[in-house]
Protein backbone atom coordinates (compact mmCIF):
# COMPACT_ATOMS: atom_id res chain seq x y z
CA MET A 1 11.30 -13.47 16.50
CA ARG A 2 10.73 -11.13 13.58
CA GLU A 3 13.60 -9.14 12.10
CA ARG A 4 13.75 -5.56 13.33
CA ALA A 5 13.34 -2.55 11.05
CA CYS A 6 13.80 1.00 12.30
CA VAL A 7 11.56 3.93 11.35
CA ARG A 8 13.21 7.18 12.42
CA GLU A 9 10.95 10.17 12.93
CA VAL A 10 12.33 13.33 11.28
CA GLY A 11 9.18 15.43 11.54
CA PRO A 12 10.49 17.76 14.26
CA ARG A 13 13.34 18.66 11.90
CA ASP A 14 12.68 17.99 8.22
CA GLY A 15 8.91 18.00 8.64
CA ILE A 16 8.62 21.53 9.98
CA GLN A 17 11.55 23.36 8.39
CA MET A 18 9.27 24.96 5.79
CA VAL A 19 5.91 25.25 7.55
CA ARG A 20 4.40 28.67 8.20
CA THR A 21 3.88 28.15 11.94
CA VAL A 22 6.90 28.34 14.26
CA LEU A 23 6.15 25.71 16.88
CA ALA A 24 6.83 26.42 20.53
CA THR A 25 9.67 24.45 22.08
CA GLU A 26 7.26 22.60 24.37
CA ARG A 27 5.17 21.43 21.42
CA LYS A 28 8.26 20.08 19.68
CA LEU A 29 9.15 18.19 22.85
CA THR A 30 5.57 16.92 23.17
CA TRP A 31 5.92 15.57 19.62
CA CYS A 32 9.11 13.76 20.65
CA ARG A 33 7.67 12.42 23.88
CA ARG A 34 4.49 11.11 22.27
CA ALA A 35 6.38 9.55 19.34
CA ALA A 36 8.70 7.79 21.76
CA LYS A 37 5.74 6.54 23.78
CA ALA A 38 4.29 5.12 20.54
CA GLY A 39 7.48 3.11 20.07
CA ILE A 40 9.67 5.32 17.88
CA ARG A 41 13.23 4.81 19.07
CA GLU A 42 15.14 7.41 17.02
CA ILE A 43 14.00 11.01 16.45
CA GLU A 44 15.78 13.82 14.59
CA VAL A 45 14.71 16.62 16.90
CA THR A 46 16.16 19.81 15.37
CA SER A 47 18.73 21.36 13.05
CA PHE A 48 21.70 23.50 14.01
CA VAL A 49 21.43 26.14 11.32
CA PRO A 50 21.40 29.93 11.78
CA ALA A 51 18.03 31.13 13.10
CA LYS A 52 18.05 33.96 10.55
CA VAL A 53 18.04 31.32 7.81
CA VAL A 54 15.45 28.98 9.37
CA PRO A 55 13.62 30.69 12.27
CA GLN A 56 11.95 27.38 13.16
CA PHE A 57 15.23 26.20 14.68
CA GLY A 58 16.07 29.24 16.77
CA ASP A 59 15.49 27.05 19.83
CA ALA A 60 17.79 24.22 18.68
CA GLU A 61 19.79 24.03 21.92
CA ALA A 62 16.66 24.05 24.07
CA VAL A 63 14.99 21.33 22.00
CA ALA A 64 18.13 19.18 21.97
CA ARG A 65 18.63 19.39 25.73
CA GLY A 66 14.91 18.88 26.37
CA ALA A 67 14.84 15.79 24.15
CA ILE A 68 17.83 14.31 25.93
CA ALA A 69 16.11 14.91 29.27
CA LEU A 70 12.99 13.09 28.07
CA GLY A 71 14.90 9.84 27.57
CA GLY A 72 13.45 6.69 26.02
CA PHE A 73 14.79 7.34 22.52
CA THR A 74 17.93 8.38 20.67
CA ALA A 75 17.78 12.09 19.89
CA SER A 76 19.74 13.43 16.92
CA ALA A 77 20.11 16.69 15.02
CA LEU A 78 21.03 17.68 11.49
CA VAL A 79 24.16 19.79 11.01
CA PRO A 80 25.33 21.40 7.72
CA ASN A 81 28.83 22.44 8.79
CA LEU A 82 31.50 22.41 11.50
CA LYS A 83 29.93 25.27 13.46
CA GLY A 84 26.60 23.48 13.60
CA ALA A 85 28.33 20.27 14.67
CA ALA A 86 30.15 22.05 17.50
CA ARG A 87 26.85 23.48 18.75
CA ALA A 88 25.18 20.07 18.59
CA ILE A 89 28.00 18.24 20.36
CA ALA A 90 28.01 20.87 23.12
CA THR A 91 24.38 20.00 23.98
CA GLY A 92 25.30 16.38 24.70
CA LEU A 93 23.33 14.86 21.83
CA PRO A 94 24.33 11.21 21.32
CA ARG A 95 24.04 11.45 17.53
CA ILE A 96 24.43 14.09 14.83
CA ASN A 97 23.68 13.78 11.13
CA TYR A 98 25.77 15.65 8.59
CA VAL A 99 24.55 16.24 5.05
CA LEU A 100 26.13 17.13 1.73
CA SER A 101 24.71 16.95 -1.78
CA ALA A 102 25.79 14.71 -4.62
CA SER A 103 24.54 17.51 -6.89
CA GLU A 104 27.14 20.26 -7.03
CA GLU A 105 24.53 22.91 -7.80
CA HIS A 106 22.27 21.83 -4.93
CA ASN A 107 25.20 21.86 -2.51
CA LEU A 108 26.09 25.41 -3.57
CA ALA A 109 22.48 26.52 -3.08
CA ASN A 110 22.04 24.69 0.22
CA VAL A 111 25.30 25.37 2.07
CA ARG A 112 27.13 27.79 -0.26
CA ARG A 113 30.11 25.55 -0.88
CA THR A 114 31.19 22.84 -3.30
CA THR A 115 30.68 19.20 -2.51
CA GLU A 116 34.44 18.75 -2.15
CA GLU A 117 34.50 21.58 0.39
CA SER A 118 31.70 19.85 2.30
CA LEU A 119 33.70 16.61 2.28
CA ALA A 120 36.65 18.45 3.78
CA ASP A 121 34.36 19.96 6.43
CA PHE A 122 33.13 16.48 7.30
CA GLY A 123 36.71 15.46 8.03
CA ARG A 124 36.97 18.36 10.47
CA ILE A 125 33.71 17.31 12.13
CA VAL A 126 35.03 13.77 12.58
CA ALA A 127 38.16 15.20 14.22
CA LEU A 128 36.03 17.40 16.49
CA ARG A 129 33.85 14.43 17.44
CA ASN A 130 36.88 12.25 18.14
CA ALA A 131 38.41 14.90 20.41
CA ALA A 132 35.22 15.69 22.32
CA PRO A 133 35.08 14.53 25.96
CA GLY A 134 32.42 12.16 27.18
CA PRO A 135 30.64 9.34 25.33
CA ARG A 136 31.47 9.02 21.64
CA VAL A 137 28.91 10.79 19.45
CA THR A 138 27.50 8.69 16.62
CA LEU A 139 27.97 10.45 13.29
CA GLY A 140 25.62 9.83 10.37
CA ALA A 141 26.60 11.11 6.92
CA GLY A 142 23.81 11.90 4.49
CA ILE A 143 24.11 12.14 0.71
CA ALA A 144 21.34 14.45 -0.52
CA THR A 145 20.01 14.46 -4.12
CA ALA A 146 21.39 10.94 -4.57
CA PHE A 147 18.83 10.09 -7.25
CA GLY A 148 18.61 13.39 -9.11
CA CYS A 149 18.30 17.14 -8.57
CA THR A 150 15.70 19.77 -9.45
CA ILE A 151 18.50 22.25 -10.19
CA GLN A 152 21.17 20.11 -11.87
CA GLY A 153 19.02 17.31 -13.22
CA ALA A 154 20.77 13.95 -13.49
CA VAL A 155 23.38 13.06 -10.88
CA PRO A 156 25.99 10.45 -11.94
CA GLU A 157 25.47 7.24 -9.97
CA LYS A 158 29.23 6.68 -9.76
CA ARG A 159 29.57 10.03 -7.99
CA VAL A 160 27.03 9.01 -5.34
CA ILE A 161 28.85 5.74 -4.66
CA GLU A 162 32.20 7.55 -4.56
CA LEU A 163 30.86 9.98 -1.98
CA ALA A 164 29.53 7.12 0.16
CA ILE A 165 32.93 5.45 0.15
CA ARG A 166 34.76 8.66 1.01
CA LEU A 167 32.37 9.48 3.86
CA ALA A 168 32.79 5.96 5.22
CA GLU A 169 36.58 6.20 4.98
CA ALA A 170 36.50 9.62 6.69
CA GLY A 171 34.81 8.18 9.78
CA ALA A 172 31.03 8.07 9.30
CA ASP A 173 29.20 5.57 11.52
CA GLU A 174 26.37 5.30 9.00
CA VAL A 175 25.68 6.43 5.43
CA ILE A 176 22.22 7.87 4.72
CA VAL A 177 21.16 7.88 1.06
CA ALA A 178 18.61 10.63 0.47
CA ASP A 179 16.13 11.24 -2.34
CA THR A 180 15.81 14.91 -1.41
CA VAL A 181 13.64 15.88 -4.37
CA GLY A 182 11.56 12.75 -4.94
CA TYR A 183 13.23 11.75 -8.22
CA GLY A 184 14.15 8.19 -7.24
CA ASP A 185 12.51 5.03 -8.53
CA PRO A 186 12.84 1.41 -7.34
CA GLY A 187 15.29 0.51 -10.11
CA GLN A 188 17.61 3.34 -9.13
CA VAL A 189 17.31 2.42 -5.47
CA ARG A 190 18.27 -1.19 -6.11
CA ARG A 191 21.29 -0.14 -8.18
CA ILE A 192 22.63 2.80 -6.17
CA VAL A 193 21.81 1.66 -2.64
CA GLY A 194 22.77 -1.91 -3.49
CA ASP A 195 26.17 -0.76 -4.77
CA ILE A 196 26.68 1.44 -1.71
CA THR A 197 25.93 -1.39 0.73
CA LYS A 198 28.51 -3.54 -1.05
CA ALA A 199 31.07 -0.73 -1.18
CA VAL A 200 30.93 0.22 2.51
CA GLY A 201 30.87 -3.34 3.81
CA LYS A 202 29.49 -3.71 7.34
CA LEU A 203 28.86 0.02 7.80
CA PRO A 204 25.09 0.59 8.25
CA VAL A 205 23.20 2.20 5.36
CA ALA A 206 19.89 4.00 5.85
CA CYS A 207 17.52 5.69 3.39
CA HIS A 208 15.65 9.00 3.39
CA PHE A 209 12.89 9.10 0.79
CA HIS A 210 10.40 11.76 -0.26
CA ASP A 211 7.05 10.85 -1.78
CA THR A 212 6.90 13.78 -4.19
CA ARG A 213 5.88 11.61 -7.14
CA GLY A 214 4.21 8.74 -5.32
CA LEU A 215 7.12 6.27 -5.31
CA GLY A 216 8.27 6.71 -1.72
CA LEU A 217 6.98 3.41 -0.33
CA ALA A 218 7.94 1.53 -3.49
CA ASN A 219 11.46 2.82 -2.91
CA VAL A 220 11.35 1.57 0.70
CA THR A 221 10.51 -1.90 -0.59
CA ALA A 222 13.38 -1.73 -3.09
CA ALA A 223 15.79 -0.67 -0.35
CA ILE A 224 14.62 -3.55 1.85
CA GLU A 225 15.51 -5.91 -1.00
CA VAL A 226 19.15 -4.74 -0.94
CA GLY A 227 19.51 -4.97 2.82
CA VAL A 228 18.47 -1.57 4.26
CA ARG A 229 16.69 -1.77 7.61
CA ALA A 230 16.49 1.88 8.70
CA PHE A 231 14.33 4.61 7.16
CA ASP A 232 13.68 8.28 7.87
CA ALA A 233 10.03 9.31 7.77
CA SER A 234 7.91 12.25 8.87
CA LEU A 235 4.58 12.18 10.66
CA ALA A 236 1.75 13.10 8.25
CA GLY A 237 4.21 13.22 5.34
CA LEU A 238 5.38 16.70 6.28
CA GLY A 239 8.58 18.15 4.90
CA GLY A 240 10.46 19.48 1.92
CA CYS A 241 13.72 21.14 0.97
CA PRO A 242 13.81 24.96 0.59
CA PHE A 243 16.37 24.57 -2.23
CA ALA A 244 14.44 21.92 -4.16
CA PRO A 245 11.43 23.51 -5.90
CA GLY A 246 8.36 21.28 -5.83
CA ALA A 247 9.97 18.62 -3.63
CA THR A 248 7.09 18.10 -1.24
CA GLY A 249 6.84 15.77 1.71
CA ASN A 250 8.80 12.95 3.25
CA ILE A 251 7.41 9.46 3.25
CA ASP A 252 4.67 9.28 5.85
CA THR A 253 5.74 7.72 9.17
CA GLU A 254 2.45 5.92 9.73
CA ASP A 255 2.35 4.39 6.24
CA THR A 256 6.01 3.39 6.42
CA VAL A 257 5.45 1.57 9.71
CA PHE A 258 2.40 -0.16 8.24
CA LEU A 259 4.33 -1.28 5.16
CA LEU A 260 7.23 -2.70 7.17
CA GLU A 261 4.91 -4.53 9.56
CA GLN A 262 2.98 -5.99 6.61
CA LEU A 263 6.29 -7.17 5.12
CA GLY A 264 6.92 -9.10 8.32
CA PHE A 265 9.32 -6.77 10.12
CA ASP A 266 9.06 -5.71 13.74
CA THR A 267 9.09 -1.91 14.10
CA GLY A 268 7.92 -1.87 17.71
CA VAL A 269 5.55 1.00 16.88
CA ASP A 270 1.95 1.37 18.05
CA LEU A 271 0.28 2.73 14.92
CA GLU A 272 -2.91 3.81 16.64
CA ALA A 273 -0.92 5.93 19.10
CA LEU A 274 1.05 7.38 16.22
CA VAL A 275 -2.11 8.34 14.32
CA ALA A 276 -3.49 10.02 17.46
CA LEU A 277 -0.30 12.10 17.66
CA ARG A 278 -0.61 12.96 13.98
CA HIS A 279 -4.07 14.45 14.56
CA GLU A 280 -2.67 16.64 17.33
CA VAL A 281 0.18 17.83 15.10
CA GLU A 282 -2.32 18.66 12.36
CA ALA A 283 -4.12 20.97 14.79
CA TRP A 284 -0.83 22.74 15.57
CA LEU A 285 -0.12 23.44 11.89
CA PRO A 286 -3.22 24.94 10.26
CA GLY A 287 -3.15 25.28 6.50
CA GLU A 288 -0.33 22.80 5.90
CA ARG A 289 -0.41 19.91 3.45
CA PHE A 290 -0.72 16.48 5.10
CA SER A 291 -0.60 13.08 3.44
CA GLY A 292 -0.88 9.42 4.37
CA ALA A 293 -3.32 6.59 3.72
CA ILE A 294 -3.47 4.96 7.15
CA ALA A 295 -4.68 8.13 8.86
CA ARG A 296 -7.36 8.47 6.18
CA ALA A 297 -8.54 4.86 5.81
CA GLY A 298 -7.64 3.34 9.17
CA LEU A 299 -6.03 -0.01 9.90
CA PRO A 300 -7.54 -3.12 8.27
CA LYS A 301 -9.13 -5.74 10.52
CA THR A 302 -6.45 -8.17 9.36
CA TYR A 303 -3.61 -6.00 10.71
CA ARG A 304 -1.49 -7.84 13.27
CA ARG A 305 -0.53 -5.39 15.98
CA PRO A 306 3.00 -5.55 17.40
CA GLY A 307 3.23 -8.12 20.19
CA VAL A 308 0.06 -9.95 19.08
CA ALA A 309 0.63 -13.46 17.76
CA ALA A 310 -0.77 -14.47 14.39
CA PRO A 311 -3.94 -16.61 14.60
């Protein structure tokens, strides 16, 4: 049995938050359904932010409830504050992901509050989650700009580790270390993520990388070396932060799956089905920038498909 590694699709949230086309609710749900059928087991389906800020997510409740009804995967949503968390919990989502920035200036630009204020808000979200009726909601806590910031520049590594510890102590079920602006390199990843995994003990740690400067998959490999087994990725490399100038695209879901499978991990994902979905999404989003090598070059003849024994 090969060790499992999880690739979490964030295209329906991070991937489309800045595109020009506002996708219909049914197309977002088709994306989720087809990704799940291809073997993706966790999908971040929407974001609970004000529609006047990001019109793409004006249908957040409808997408969340529709994704839950689809079944076959864990649906999650991103929330920036207590109000967003309350909306997400009310839909019945089994998981929500909170985010704050290690960069003070990015946090002020993104959610109009200091990082310390966001930490306090996270405590209130934990209390809300703990008091909510029904099954316990899993709460992921993301640290954005963990490797540097396009506004502030360098971010002290000790600050990132401190934030991870405080989020874990406050009640996070997982810490997500995010290279929001594509500044990270494998050396940083080994140091920062390695220190975080030691500091939070048995609490799961995941990574969210962008491929802005071509180091996204190298950073995945570095994170694997320090024990990470869960990665956010976006179909076709879509995505970017509206408060991080020049920070294009997430790591590509197809290429990330390919890398992990080639490293010997079991992702459970049918790459050919995923590439077919990618082509459909490309048709929905004319004029957008897409990336990814597998969709361009195809799978090599030596690729061992999931469930097929080695010769």
